[in-house]
Amino acid sequence: MRIETAEYERMRSWLGYMVLRVFPSDLLTPETDPLAVLDRTASKSPARGRSGLAMAIEDVVELTSGWLTIDVAKCDSELSLKGLPTLTEVRARSSKVVQRVIRSGRITSDEEFFALRNAVEQQGANSEALWTLLTAYETAKTSS
């Protein structure tokens, strides 16, 4: 998933809403709150902030993968009322990233890597080809 500059604030708001639904509030300190960490990163490098936001969103998508349909529908309704993308829309967007990686046969960014890894882990896919893509990206990244 790629976060464009023009959509950063809207997607940051989406993350802020979702963080309160997926993380216990007692675990959210200034050091661990994803929004606080994101804001510190973005203040130093807006590009890294967008990348970090995309990764955090992918994590939230993964954390909500086991939600019941009724819970997703309720969340979608609440997000929609706030003028934010629904969880269903964000899941679909995330899936498009995965499909693009599969079509191209290679991972070109950290965002694609985490999207594919999350999809493989969520779905319990044991596709050797997908794991090969993930391993190749990690190997290339550590050797550069």
C-alpha atoms as a PDB file:
ATOM      1  CA  MET A   1       0.000   0.000   0.000  1.00  0.00           C
ATOM      2  CA  ARG A   2       1.345   3.412  -0.920  1.00  0.00           C
ATOM      3  CA  ILE A   3       0.232   6.539   0.936  1.00  0.00           C
ATOM      4  CA  GLU A   4       0.288   9.667  -1.192  1.00  0.00           C
ATOM      5  CA  THR A   5       1.084  13.047   0.369  1.00  0.00           C
ATOM      6  CA  ALA A   6      -2.436  14.336  -0.343  1.00  0.00           C
ATOM      7  CA  GLU A   7      -4.070  11.468   1.567  1.00  0.00           C
ATOM      8  CA  TYR A   8      -1.664  11.300   4.501  1.00  0.00           C
ATOM      9  CA  GLU A   9      -3.801  13.170   7.045  1.00  0.00           C
ATOM     10  CA  ARG A  10      -6.958  11.254   6.137  1.00  0.00           C
ATOM     11  CA  MET A  11      -5.216   7.900   6.437  1.00  0.00           C
ATOM     12  CA  ARG A  12      -3.496   9.031   9.657  1.00  0.00           C
ATOM     13  CA  SER A  13      -6.966   9.790  11.051  1.00  0.00           C
ATOM     14  CA  TRP A  14      -8.095   6.328   9.925  1.00  0.00           C
ATOM     15  CA  LEU A  15      -5.184   4.764  11.786  1.00  0.00           C
ATOM     16  CA  GLY A  16      -5.948   6.847  14.878  1.00  0.00           C
ATOM     17  CA  TYR A  17      -9.508   5.589  14.896  1.00  0.00           C
ATOM     18  CA  MET A  18      -8.498   1.975  14.356  1.00  0.00           C
ATOM     19  CA  VAL A  19      -5.661   1.952  16.912  1.00  0.00           C
ATOM     20  CA  LEU A  20      -8.224   2.529  19.652  1.00  0.00           C
ATOM     21  CA  ARG A  21     -10.180  -0.498  18.437  1.00  0.00           C
ATOM     22  CA  VAL A  22      -7.349  -2.995  18.054  1.00  0.00           C
ATOM     23  CA  PHE A  23      -4.955  -2.145  20.901  1.00  0.00           C
ATOM     24  CA  PRO A  24      -5.763  -2.177  24.614  1.00  0.00           C
ATOM     25  CA  SER A  25      -5.590   1.411  25.874  1.00  0.00           C
ATOM     26  CA  ASP A  26      -3.271   0.459  28.738  1.00  0.00           C
ATOM     27  CA  LEU A  27      -0.627  -0.526  26.161  1.00  0.00           C
ATOM     28  CA  LEU A  28      -0.713   2.859  24.435  1.00  0.00           C
ATOM     29  CA  THR A  29       1.997   5.059  25.914  1.00  0.00           C
ATOM     30  CA  PRO A  30       3.846   7.938  24.224  1.00  0.00           C
ATOM     31  CA  GLU A  31       6.587   5.437  23.397  1.00  0.00           C
ATOM     32  CA  THR A  32       4.312   2.692  22.033  1.00  0.00           C
ATOM     33  CA  ASP A  33       1.302   4.499  20.574  1.00  0.00           C
ATOM     34  CA  PRO A  34       1.515   3.984  16.794  1.00  0.00           C
ATOM     35  CA  LEU A  35       0.387   7.567  16.117  1.00  0.00           C
ATOM     36  CA  ALA A  36       3.039   9.032  18.419  1.00  0.00           C
ATOM     37  CA  VAL A  37       5.727   6.891  16.793  1.00  0.00           C
ATOM     38  CA  LEU A  38       4.409   7.823  13.347  1.00  0.00           C
ATOM     39  CA  ASP A  39       4.403  11.547  14.158  1.00  0.00           C
ATOM     40  CA  ARG A  40       8.006  11.410  15.388  1.00  0.00           C
ATOM     41  CA  THR A  41       9.050   9.631  12.206  1.00  0.00           C
ATOM     42  CA  ALA A  42       7.084  11.970   9.920  1.00  0.00           C
ATOM     43  CA  SER A  43       8.544  15.066  11.594  1.00  0.00           C
ATOM     44  CA  LYS A  44      12.032  13.913  10.577  1.00  0.00           C
ATOM     45  CA  SER A  45      11.122  12.527   7.160  1.00  0.00           C
ATOM     46  CA  PRO A  46       7.688  12.907   5.555  1.00  0.00           C
ATOM     47  CA  ALA A  47       8.489  10.103   3.091  1.00  0.00           C
ATOM     48  CA  ARG A  48       9.349   7.723   5.928  1.00  0.00           C
ATOM     49  CA  GLY A  49       6.216   8.879   7.705  1.00  0.00           C
ATOM     50  CA  ARG A  50       4.098   7.843   4.713  1.00  0.00           C
ATOM     51  CA  SER A  51       5.921   4.529   4.526  1.00  0.00           C
ATOM     52  CA  GLY A  52       5.452   3.955   8.257  1.00  0.00           C
ATOM     53  CA  LEU A  53       1.777   4.832   7.989  1.00  0.00           C
ATOM     54  CA  ALA A  54       1.335   2.278   5.216  1.00  0.00           C
ATOM     55  CA  MET A  55       3.030  -0.401   7.312  1.00  0.00           C
ATOM     56  CA  ALA A  56       0.937   0.453  10.374  1.00  0.00           C
ATOM     57  CA  ILE A  57      -2.233   0.247   8.289  1.00  0.00           C
ATOM     58  CA  GLU A  58      -1.165  -3.167   6.987  1.00  0.00           C
ATOM     59  CA  ASP A  59      -0.656  -4.283  10.592  1.00  0.00           C
ATOM     60  CA  VAL A  60      -4.149  -3.107  11.533  1.00  0.00           C
ATOM     61  CA  VAL A  61      -5.606  -4.936   8.530  1.00  0.00           C
ATOM     62  CA  GLU A  62      -3.855  -8.067   9.762  1.00  0.00           C
ATOM     63  CA  LEU A  63      -5.047  -7.576  13.350  1.00  0.00           C
ATOM     64  CA  THR A  64      -8.652  -7.279  12.163  1.00  0.00           C
ATOM     65  CA  SER A  65      -8.536 -10.293   9.858  1.00  0.00           C
ATOM     66  CA  GLY A  66     -10.346 -12.440  12.396  1.00  0.00           C
ATOM     67  CA  TRP A  67     -13.179  -9.990  13.021  1.00  0.00           C
ATOM     68  CA  LEU A  68     -16.723 -11.203  12.485  1.00  0.00           C
ATOM     69  CA  THR A  69     -18.639  -9.755   9.550  1.00  0.00           C
ATOM     70  CA  ILE A  70     -20.963  -7.900  11.928  1.00  0.00           C
ATOM     71  CA  ASP A  71     -17.979  -6.243  13.658  1.00  0.00           C
ATOM     72  CA  VAL A  72     -16.500  -5.174  10.311  1.00  0.00           C
ATOM     73  CA  ALA A  73     -19.884  -3.767   9.248  1.00  0.00           C
ATOM     74  CA  LYS A  74     -20.189  -1.776  12.484  1.00  0.00           C
ATOM     75  CA  CYS A  75     -16.655  -0.435  12.097  1.00  0.00           C
ATOM     76  CA  ASP A  76     -17.310   0.407   8.431  1.00  0.00           C
ATOM     77  CA  SER A  77     -20.413   2.376   9.434  1.00  0.00           C
ATOM     78  CA  GLU A  78     -18.555   4.327  12.128  1.00  0.00           C
ATOM     79  CA  LEU A  79     -15.644   5.115   9.814  1.00  0.00           C
ATOM     80  CA  SER A  80     -18.007   6.184   7.048  1.00  0.00           C
ATOM     81  CA  LEU A  81     -19.834   8.554   9.410  1.00  0.00           C
ATOM     82  CA  LYS A  82     -16.456  10.155  10.188  1.00  0.00           C
ATOM     83  CA  GLY A  83     -15.736  10.593   6.483  1.00  0.00           C
ATOM     84  CA  LEU A  84     -12.910   8.054   6.591  1.00  0.00           C
ATOM     85  CA  PRO A  85     -12.299   5.034   4.362  1.00  0.00           C
ATOM     86  CA  THR A  86     -14.029   1.929   5.639  1.00  0.00           C
ATOM     87  CA  LEU A  87     -12.087  -1.070   6.877  1.00  0.00           C
ATOM     88  CA  THR A  88     -13.494  -2.988   3.931  1.00  0.00           C
ATOM     89  CA  GLU A  89     -12.114  -0.380   1.504  1.00  0.00           C
ATOM     90  CA  VAL A  90      -8.692  -0.422   3.156  1.00  0.00           C
ATOM     91  CA  ARG A  91      -8.628  -4.222   3.079  1.00  0.00           C
ATOM     92  CA  ALA A  92      -9.428  -4.147  -0.643  1.00  0.00           C
ATOM     93  CA  ARG A  93      -6.716  -1.579  -1.261  1.00  0.00           C
ATOM     94  CA  SER A  94      -4.243  -3.740   0.610  1.00  0.00           C
ATOM     95  CA  SER A  95      -5.289  -6.738  -1.436  1.00  0.00           C
ATOM     96  CA  LYS A  96      -4.631  -4.795  -4.659  1.00  0.00           C
ATOM     97  CA  VAL A  97      -1.026  -4.288  -3.548  1.00  0.00           C
ATOM     98  CA  VAL A  98      -0.657  -8.022  -3.001  1.00  0.00           C
ATOM     99  CA  GLN A  99      -2.185  -8.794  -6.375  1.00  0.00           C
ATOM    100  CA  ARG A 100       0.190  -6.324  -8.076  1.00  0.00           C
ATOM    101  CA  VAL A 101       3.195  -8.014  -6.451  1.00  0.00           C
ATOM    102  CA  ILE A 102       1.959 -11.444  -7.511  1.00  0.00           C
ATOM    103  CA  ARG A 103       1.413 -10.245 -11.094  1.00  0.00           C
ATOM    104  CA  SER A 104       4.817  -8.586 -11.348  1.00  0.00           C
ATOM    105  CA  GLY A 105       6.633 -11.454  -9.645  1.00  0.00           C
ATOM    106  CA  ARG A 106       8.776  -9.162  -7.518  1.00  0.00           C
ATOM    107  CA  ILE A 107       8.626  -6.920  -4.467  1.00  0.00           C
ATOM    108  CA  THR A 108       9.800  -3.352  -5.042  1.00  0.00           C
ATOM    109  CA  SER A 109       9.263  -1.679  -1.658  1.00  0.00           C
ATOM    110  CA  ASP A 110       8.935  -2.294   2.064  1.00  0.00           C
ATOM    111  CA  GLU A 111       5.211  -1.557   1.787  1.00  0.00           C
ATOM    112  CA  GLU A 112       4.805  -4.338  -0.776  1.00  0.00           C
ATOM    113  CA  PHE A 113       6.923  -6.674   1.337  1.00  0.00           C
ATOM    114  CA  PHE A 114       4.814  -6.160   4.457  1.00  0.00           C
ATOM    115  CA  ALA A 115       1.548  -6.369   2.525  1.00  0.00           C
ATOM    116  CA  LEU A 116       2.559  -9.694   0.990  1.00  0.00           C
ATOM    117  CA  ARG A 117       3.954 -11.054   4.241  1.00  0.00           C
ATOM    118  CA  ASN A 118       0.780 -10.115   6.101  1.00  0.00           C
ATOM    119  CA  ALA A 119      -1.383 -11.696   3.416  1.00  0.00           C
ATOM    120  CA  VAL A 120       0.624 -14.925   3.445  1.00  0.00           C
ATOM    121  CA  GLU A 121       0.599 -15.118   7.247  1.00  0.00           C
ATOM    122  CA  GLN A 122      -3.117 -14.206   7.527  1.00  0.00           C
ATOM    123  CA  GLN A 123      -4.284 -16.726   5.027  1.00  0.00           C
ATOM    124  CA  GLY A 124      -1.876 -19.415   6.116  1.00  0.00           C
ATOM    125  CA  ALA A 125      -0.829 -19.720   2.500  1.00  0.00           C
ATOM    126  CA  ASN A 126       2.001 -22.144   2.092  1.00  0.00           C
ATOM    127  CA  SER A 127       2.857 -21.007  -1.388  1.00  0.00           C
ATOM    128  CA  GLU A 128       6.517 -21.596  -1.953  1.00  0.00           C
ATOM    129  CA  ALA A 129       6.547 -18.929  -4.687  1.00  0.00           C
ATOM    130  CA  LEU A 130       5.280 -16.221  -2.322  1.00  0.00           C
ATOM    131  CA  TRP A 131       7.774 -17.170   0.373  1.00  0.00           C
ATOM    132  CA  THR A 132      10.507 -17.105  -2.284  1.00  0.00           C
ATOM    133  CA  LEU A 133       9.544 -13.518  -3.191  1.00  0.00           C
ATOM    134  CA  LEU A 134       9.665 -12.504   0.471  1.00  0.00           C
ATOM    135  CA  THR A 135      13.031 -14.170   1.046  1.00  0.00           C
ATOM    136  CA  ALA A 136      14.512 -12.655  -2.121  1.00  0.00           C
ATOM    137  CA  TYR A 137      13.458  -9.168  -1.064  1.00  0.00           C
ATOM    138  CA  GLU A 138      14.871  -9.607   2.446  1.00  0.00           C
ATOM    139  CA  THR A 139      18.148 -10.972   1.054  1.00  0.00           C
ATOM    140  CA  ALA A 140      18.502  -8.109  -1.424  1.00  0.00           C
ATOM    141  CA  LYS A 141      17.728  -5.555   1.272  1.00  0.00           C
ATOM    142  CA  THR A 142      20.308  -6.895   3.720  1.00  0.00           C
ATOM    143  CA  SER A 143      23.023  -7.131   1.082  1.00  0.00           C
ATOM    144  CA  SER A 144      22.597  -3.531  -0.112  1.00  0.00           C
END
